[in-house]
Amino acid sequence: MKKYNFYAGPSILSEHTIKNTAEAILDFSGMGLSIMEISHRSKEFIAVMEKAQLLFKELLGIPDGYSVLFLQGGASLQFCMVPYNLLVNKAAYLDTGSWASKAIKEAKIFGEVDVVASSKDSTYGFIPKGYKIPSDADYFHITTNNTIYGTEIKKDIDAPVPLVADMSSDIFSRPMDVSKYALIYGGAQKNLAPSGVTFVIIRNDILGNVSRPIPTMLDYATHIEKESMFNTPPVVPVYAALQTLEWYRQKGGVGAMHRENNEKAELIYGEIDRNKLFEPNVKDPEDRSIMNVTFVMNHHYKDLESEFLAYATEKGMVGIKGHRSVGGFRASIYNAMPLSGVEALVEVMKEFEKKH
């Protein structure tokens, strides 16, 4: 039976990425050695790192003056690296979910934090609007996609101060204007690679303003100067990231991925809105994530929740249980999820409706 991977992260990867990475683990570049055991200083791996950085810039249209870094520690380490390197007097944050809240907590260690708006009181069921970004902030931080709650900021914000974005779960899902951002970061385990590598896109001129001493490993300037080679990088995840980037280019780039993502999202949200058994967590279509679709049983059918989860799992739908803080269901339909996977889930939802 065909199984479809709807886990939120680590999550589905393209067959291209899995196959090529598996082959490199056995024999990398005809060297007779595994990618897991070669030196990161070898010319063969340096070529991998350089090509991955170039493809990042090509696919996202990253302007001159920016660096692409491959680091470690996940997005969680970036929660402290961002304020460590950028916060002088005050930072502004938009609170749209658990990960934004964690980033805010870390930033408060380094200085004043202005939370310009929050949807916490509504279980993060919408993206706040109508807030004002303080012009005296050192930067404004957003989390573009909220995996737990299923909300997403789908447009590039015009900010009067440097804009910083956690794009862990929606990078490469839509075209974007990188020039509007001072720094973009994210864990790779949604739309790029296995867990273990973190990407950072940084405008080089935003550094050097803080007076505090920064530990060498936590200083972005260190990694820019050493081109992500200050210490041993996560070699296998970087190689897997390169495979994903090549797959994106073969597919037609970020624009093509965006069209596919919209088609998948429209299909599953359409079924949730139509099917009497279910209802969406996010009511406003404008705020609905095209990466993480969250939904629950209609309140008249709450007693069927466990039965539907068991039924869907039996039919090959893997990882659709919602996060414990929200409950219900979550279908993560990242770039590597084929349309056929969403079609299969929708068919399961229709079949379950007929049963009841």
Protein backbone atom coordinates (compact mmCIF):
# COMPACT_ATOMS: atom_id res chain seq x y z
CA MET A 1 0.00 0.00 0.00
CA LYS A 2 1.26 3.46 -0.92
CA LYS A 3 1.95 5.62 2.12
CA TYR A 4 1.92 9.41 2.18
CA ASN A 5 4.05 11.35 4.65
CA PHE A 6 2.16 14.27 6.22
CA TYR A 7 4.53 14.74 9.18
CA ALA A 8 5.25 18.37 10.10
CA GLY A 9 9.00 17.88 10.46
CA PRO A 10 11.25 16.13 9.89
CA SER A 11 9.08 15.67 6.87
CA ILE A 12 8.74 14.44 3.34
CA LEU A 13 11.67 14.84 0.95
CA SER A 14 11.65 14.40 -2.81
CA GLU A 15 12.55 10.98 -4.19
CA HIS A 16 15.33 12.77 -6.08
CA THR A 17 16.85 13.97 -2.80
CA ILE A 18 16.52 10.65 -1.00
CA LYS A 19 17.87 8.55 -3.89
CA ASN A 20 20.86 10.74 -4.67
CA THR A 21 21.79 11.21 -1.02
CA ALA A 22 21.53 7.46 -0.39
CA GLU A 23 23.84 6.81 -3.34
CA ALA A 24 26.35 9.37 -2.06
CA ILE A 25 26.32 7.70 1.35
CA LEU A 26 27.56 4.53 -0.37
CA ASP A 27 29.92 6.20 -2.84
CA PHE A 28 30.30 9.95 -3.19
CA SER A 29 31.36 11.36 -6.55
CA GLY A 30 33.09 8.13 -7.58
CA MET A 31 35.63 8.52 -4.78
CA GLY A 32 35.00 5.06 -3.36
CA LEU A 33 34.19 6.80 -0.07
CA SER A 34 30.94 7.76 1.65
CA ILE A 35 29.84 11.40 1.84
CA MET A 36 29.68 10.70 5.59
CA GLU A 37 33.42 10.10 5.88
CA ILE A 38 35.14 12.54 3.53
CA SER A 39 36.86 15.71 4.71
CA HIS A 40 34.74 18.84 4.59
CA ARG A 41 37.92 20.53 3.35
CA SER A 42 38.15 18.25 0.33
CA LYS A 43 37.71 19.89 -3.06
CA GLU A 44 34.76 17.56 -3.70
CA PHE A 45 32.79 18.77 -0.69
CA ILE A 46 33.80 22.40 -1.07
CA ALA A 47 32.23 22.18 -4.54
CA VAL A 48 29.00 20.91 -2.91
CA MET A 49 28.90 23.82 -0.47
CA GLU A 50 29.61 26.42 -3.15
CA LYS A 51 27.02 25.02 -5.54
CA ALA A 52 24.35 24.88 -2.79
CA GLN A 53 24.99 28.55 -1.95
CA LEU A 54 24.83 29.56 -5.62
CA LEU A 55 21.59 27.65 -6.20
CA PHE A 56 20.04 29.30 -3.13
CA LYS A 57 20.83 32.69 -4.65
CA GLU A 58 19.61 31.68 -8.10
CA LEU A 59 16.29 30.17 -7.02
CA LEU A 60 15.36 33.02 -4.67
CA GLY A 61 16.86 35.84 -6.72
CA ILE A 62 19.06 36.92 -3.81
CA PRO A 63 20.68 40.31 -4.57
CA ASP A 64 24.36 41.18 -4.24
CA GLY A 65 25.44 42.06 -0.73
CA TYR A 66 23.85 39.00 0.87
CA SER A 67 25.52 35.82 2.15
CA VAL A 68 24.00 32.34 2.32
CA LEU A 69 25.15 30.34 5.33
CA PHE A 70 24.70 26.71 6.33
CA LEU A 71 24.93 26.48 10.12
CA GLN A 72 23.86 24.19 12.94
CA GLY A 73 21.61 24.43 15.99
CA GLY A 74 18.30 24.67 14.16
CA ALA A 75 16.05 27.72 14.06
CA SER A 76 16.06 27.58 17.87
CA LEU A 77 19.69 28.73 18.00
CA GLN A 78 18.82 31.57 15.61
CA PHE A 79 16.32 32.79 18.21
CA CYS A 80 19.33 33.92 20.25
CA MET A 81 21.84 34.60 17.42
CA VAL A 82 19.56 37.22 15.88
CA PRO A 83 19.34 39.48 18.96
CA TYR A 84 22.94 38.69 19.95
CA ASN A 85 24.10 40.18 16.63
CA LEU A 86 21.42 42.80 15.93
CA LEU A 87 19.70 44.05 19.09
CA VAL A 88 21.23 47.32 20.31
CA ASN A 89 18.35 49.08 22.07
CA LYS A 90 14.99 47.59 21.11
CA ALA A 91 13.57 44.92 18.83
CA ALA A 92 10.01 44.47 17.57
CA TYR A 93 8.33 41.08 17.20
CA LEU A 94 5.03 39.79 15.83
CA ASP A 95 3.65 36.96 17.98
CA THR A 96 1.87 34.45 15.73
CA GLY A 97 2.57 31.13 17.39
CA SER A 98 4.73 28.93 19.59
CA TRP A 99 7.94 29.47 17.63
CA ALA A 100 7.48 33.24 17.52
CA SER A 101 6.88 33.14 21.27
CA LYS A 102 10.11 31.21 21.83
CA ALA A 103 12.01 33.74 19.70
CA ILE A 104 10.56 36.58 21.78
CA LYS A 105 11.64 34.88 25.01
CA GLU A 106 15.24 34.64 23.80
CA ALA A 107 15.35 38.23 22.53
CA LYS A 108 14.29 39.56 25.94
CA ILE A 109 17.60 38.32 27.34
CA PHE A 110 19.43 40.90 25.22
CA GLY A 111 17.27 44.00 25.50
CA GLU A 112 13.83 45.58 25.19
CA VAL A 113 11.29 43.73 23.06
CA ASP A 114 8.14 45.36 21.70
CA VAL A 115 5.53 42.74 20.81
CA VAL A 116 3.57 44.78 18.27
CA ALA A 117 0.64 42.34 18.08
CA SER A 118 -0.35 38.83 19.09
CA SER A 119 -3.07 36.32 18.28
CA LYS A 120 -2.33 34.21 21.35
CA ASP A 121 -5.70 34.94 22.97
CA SER A 122 -7.39 33.28 19.97
CA THR A 123 -5.12 30.21 20.04
CA TYR A 124 -3.09 31.79 17.25
CA GLY A 125 -5.96 31.23 14.83
CA PHE A 126 -5.20 34.27 12.67
CA ILE A 127 -2.41 36.59 11.55
CA PRO A 128 -2.69 39.97 13.34
CA LYS A 129 -3.19 42.99 11.09
CA GLY A 130 -3.24 46.75 11.51
CA TYR A 131 -0.27 46.84 13.88
CA LYS A 132 2.43 49.51 13.79
CA ILE A 133 6.11 48.69 13.48
CA PRO A 134 8.12 51.11 15.66
CA SER A 135 10.56 53.10 13.54
CA ASP A 136 13.12 53.13 16.34
CA ALA A 137 13.41 49.33 16.53
CA ASP A 138 16.70 47.73 15.55
CA TYR A 139 14.75 45.12 13.58
CA PHE A 140 11.28 43.61 13.17
CA HIS A 141 10.96 39.82 13.49
CA ILE A 142 8.21 37.67 11.96
CA THR A 143 7.55 33.94 11.68
CA THR A 144 6.10 33.54 8.21
CA ASN A 145 4.50 30.12 8.61
CA ASN A 146 3.15 28.62 11.82
CA THR A 147 3.31 24.85 11.60
CA ILE A 148 1.30 24.11 14.74
CA TYR A 149 -1.64 26.45 14.10
CA GLY A 150 -1.74 26.50 10.30
CA THR A 151 -1.42 30.22 9.63
CA GLU A 152 0.90 31.92 7.16
CA ILE A 153 2.08 35.36 6.11
CA LYS A 154 1.99 35.00 2.34
CA LYS A 155 3.27 38.41 1.26
CA ASP A 156 6.54 40.25 1.81
CA ILE A 157 6.09 42.96 4.43
CA ASP A 158 7.22 46.53 3.89
CA ALA A 159 9.01 47.39 7.12
CA PRO A 160 10.59 50.73 8.11
CA VAL A 161 13.37 48.84 9.92
CA PRO A 162 15.43 45.73 9.02
CA LEU A 163 13.06 42.80 8.57
CA VAL A 164 14.02 39.41 10.02
CA ALA A 165 12.01 36.28 9.17
CA ASP A 166 11.91 32.72 10.40
CA MET A 167 11.01 30.81 7.22
CA SER A 168 11.70 27.32 8.49
CA SER A 169 8.55 25.82 7.02
CA ASP A 170 7.74 27.83 3.89
CA ILE A 171 11.08 28.69 2.28
CA PHE A 172 10.96 27.98 -1.49
CA SER A 173 7.17 27.63 -1.38
CA ARG A 174 6.51 30.97 -3.10
CA PRO A 175 8.38 33.70 -4.99
CA MET A 176 9.66 36.40 -2.69
CA ASP A 177 11.52 39.70 -2.76
CA VAL A 178 14.59 38.95 -0.65
CA SER A 179 15.65 42.62 -0.83
CA LYS A 180 12.85 43.43 1.63
CA TYR A 181 14.54 41.28 4.28
CA ALA A 182 17.71 41.90 6.26
CA LEU A 183 17.91 38.30 7.50
CA ILE A 184 16.02 35.07 6.76
CA TYR A 185 16.67 31.83 8.60
CA GLY A 186 15.19 28.41 9.09
CA GLY A 187 15.66 24.80 9.99
CA ALA A 188 15.99 22.65 6.88
CA GLN A 189 13.77 19.75 7.85
CA LYS A 190 10.62 20.91 6.07
CA ASN A 191 11.43 22.10 2.56
CA LEU A 192 15.15 21.53 2.16
CA ALA A 193 16.95 18.63 3.84
CA PRO A 194 17.05 16.25 6.79
CA SER A 195 17.40 17.89 10.20
CA GLY A 196 20.88 19.00 11.16
CA VAL A 197 21.49 22.04 8.97
CA THR A 198 20.13 25.58 9.30
CA PHE A 199 20.09 28.10 6.47
CA VAL A 200 20.69 31.81 6.97
CA ILE A 201 20.34 34.50 4.29
CA ILE A 202 21.87 37.68 5.64
CA ARG A 203 22.48 41.16 4.29
CA ASN A 204 26.08 41.73 5.22
CA ASP A 205 25.78 45.44 6.06
CA ILE A 206 23.44 44.92 9.02
CA LEU A 207 26.28 43.58 11.17
CA GLY A 208 28.75 45.44 13.38
CA ASN A 209 26.37 47.70 15.29
CA VAL A 210 26.30 45.99 18.69
CA SER A 211 28.96 46.77 21.29
CA ARG A 212 28.64 43.54 23.26
CA PRO A 213 31.28 40.85 22.69
CA ILE A 214 29.84 37.97 20.65
CA PRO A 215 31.16 34.41 21.07
CA THR A 216 32.96 33.34 17.91
CA MET A 217 30.50 30.59 16.98
CA LEU A 218 27.50 32.88 17.50
CA ASP A 219 28.88 35.72 15.39
CA TYR A 220 27.43 35.81 11.87
CA ALA A 221 30.59 37.58 10.69
CA THR A 222 32.60 34.46 11.57
CA HIS A 223 30.56 32.28 9.26
CA ILE A 224 30.41 34.84 6.46
CA GLU A 225 34.20 35.18 6.49
CA LYS A 226 34.74 31.40 6.56
CA GLU A 227 31.91 30.67 4.08
CA SER A 228 30.15 28.28 6.51
CA MET A 229 33.41 26.37 7.03
CA PHE A 230 34.56 27.79 10.39
CA ASN A 231 33.84 24.43 11.96
CA THR A 232 32.85 21.09 10.43
CA PRO A 233 29.49 21.63 8.73
CA PRO A 234 26.73 18.98 8.73
CA VAL A 235 28.05 17.37 5.56
CA VAL A 236 25.22 14.95 4.72
CA PRO A 237 22.34 17.43 5.27
CA VAL A 238 24.17 20.04 3.16
CA TYR A 239 24.55 17.49 0.36
CA ALA A 240 20.86 16.59 0.67
CA ALA A 241 19.99 20.29 0.53
CA LEU A 242 21.91 20.57 -2.74
CA GLN A 243 19.86 17.69 -4.17
CA THR A 244 16.62 19.43 -3.18
CA LEU A 245 17.77 22.71 -4.72
CA GLU A 246 18.64 20.93 -7.97
CA TRP A 247 15.22 19.27 -7.91
CA TYR A 248 13.55 22.67 -7.52
CA ARG A 249 15.41 23.96 -10.54
CA GLN A 250 14.42 20.90 -12.56
CA LYS A 251 10.79 21.43 -11.55
CA GLY A 252 10.84 24.98 -12.93
CA GLY A 253 11.90 26.95 -9.87
CA VAL A 254 10.02 28.58 -7.02
CA GLY A 255 7.22 29.86 -9.26
CA ALA A 256 6.37 26.32 -10.33
CA MET A 257 6.43 25.13 -6.71
CA HIS A 258 4.07 27.95 -5.75
CA ARG A 259 1.54 26.96 -8.40
CA GLU A 260 1.61 23.33 -7.24
CA ASN A 261 1.34 24.36 -3.60
CA ASN A 262 -1.71 26.51 -4.28
CA GLU A 263 -3.36 23.67 -6.19
CA LYS A 264 -2.78 21.25 -3.33
CA ALA A 265 -4.00 23.73 -0.72
CA GLU A 266 -7.15 24.65 -2.66
CA LEU A 267 -8.00 20.96 -3.01
CA ILE A 268 -7.75 20.05 0.65
CA TYR A 269 -9.24 23.28 2.04
CA GLY A 270 -12.08 22.87 -0.43
CA GLU A 271 -12.83 19.43 0.97
CA ILE A 272 -12.60 20.61 4.57
CA ASP A 273 -15.06 23.42 3.85
CA ARG A 274 -17.42 21.06 1.98
CA ASN A 275 -17.30 17.98 4.19
CA LYS A 276 -19.86 18.10 7.04
CA LEU A 277 -17.59 16.09 9.33
CA PHE A 278 -14.74 18.60 9.42
CA GLU A 279 -14.04 22.27 9.98
CA PRO A 280 -10.86 24.35 9.56
CA ASN A 281 -8.93 25.75 12.50
CA VAL A 282 -8.14 28.92 10.54
CA LYS A 283 -11.37 30.60 9.44
CA ASP A 284 -9.99 33.37 7.22
CA PRO A 285 -8.75 31.91 3.90
CA GLU A 286 -6.25 34.76 3.65
CA ASP A 287 -4.44 33.47 6.76
CA ARG A 288 -4.54 29.76 5.92
CA SER A 289 -1.16 28.13 5.46
CA ILE A 290 -0.45 26.38 2.17
CA MET A 291 2.16 24.28 3.99
CA ASN A 292 0.37 23.05 7.14
CA VAL A 293 -3.37 22.47 6.88
CA THR A 294 -4.96 22.17 10.30
CA PHE A 295 -8.54 21.02 10.89
CA VAL A 296 -10.76 19.34 13.46
CA MET A 297 -13.96 17.32 13.52
CA ASN A 298 -17.11 19.40 13.38
CA HIS A 299 -18.38 19.75 16.97
CA HIS A 300 -21.34 17.50 16.14
CA TYR A 301 -18.92 14.67 15.31
CA LYS A 302 -16.19 15.11 17.94
CA ASP A 303 -16.62 11.52 19.04
CA LEU A 304 -15.38 10.34 15.63
CA GLU A 305 -11.94 11.94 15.91
CA SER A 306 -10.05 8.83 17.04
CA GLU A 307 -11.91 6.69 14.54
CA PHE A 308 -10.98 8.98 11.63
CA LEU A 309 -7.34 9.07 12.67
CA ALA A 310 -7.22 5.27 12.78
CA TYR A 311 -9.09 5.02 9.45
CA ALA A 312 -6.80 7.49 7.68
CA THR A 313 -3.68 5.81 9.05
CA GLU A 314 -4.97 2.45 7.89
CA LYS A 315 -5.37 3.94 4.40
CA GLY A 316 -1.72 5.04 4.33
CA MET A 317 -2.04 8.65 5.55
CA VAL A 318 0.93 8.95 7.92
CA GLY A 319 1.46 11.74 10.45
CA ILE A 320 -1.86 13.61 10.23
CA LYS A 321 -2.49 13.83 13.96
CA GLY A 322 -2.62 17.47 15.05
CA HIS A 323 -0.17 19.00 17.50
CA ARG A 324 -1.05 18.26 21.12
CA SER A 325 -1.67 21.96 21.85
CA VAL A 326 -4.34 22.16 19.12
CA GLY A 327 -5.65 18.64 18.65
CA GLY A 328 -7.52 17.47 15.60
CA PHE A 329 -5.52 16.93 12.45
CA ARG A 330 -2.67 18.47 10.51
CA ALA A 331 -1.75 17.68 6.92
CA SER A 332 1.68 19.08 6.14
CA ILE A 333 1.83 19.48 2.38
CA TYR A 334 5.33 20.79 1.84
CA ASN A 335 6.92 21.20 -1.57
CA ALA A 336 7.84 17.51 -1.88
CA MET A 337 4.27 16.32 -1.23
CA PRO A 338 2.83 15.33 -4.63
CA LEU A 339 -0.66 16.31 -5.66
CA SER A 340 -1.53 12.61 -5.60
CA GLY A 341 -0.92 12.56 -1.83
CA VAL A 342 -3.43 15.34 -1.24
CA GLU A 343 -5.89 13.67 -3.60
CA ALA A 344 -5.53 10.43 -1.61
CA LEU A 345 -6.22 12.22 1.69
CA VAL A 346 -9.26 13.99 0.24
CA GLU A 347 -10.60 10.66 -0.99
CA VAL A 348 -10.17 9.19 2.51
CA MET A 349 -12.13 12.12 3.96
CA LYS A 350 -14.93 11.55 1.45
CA GLU A 351 -15.02 7.83 2.17
CA PHE A 352 -15.23 8.48 5.91
CA GLU A 353 -18.07 10.92 5.34
CA LYS A 354 -20.01 8.24 3.44
CA LYS A 355 -19.53 5.82 6.35
CA HIS A 356 -21.22 8.27 8.72
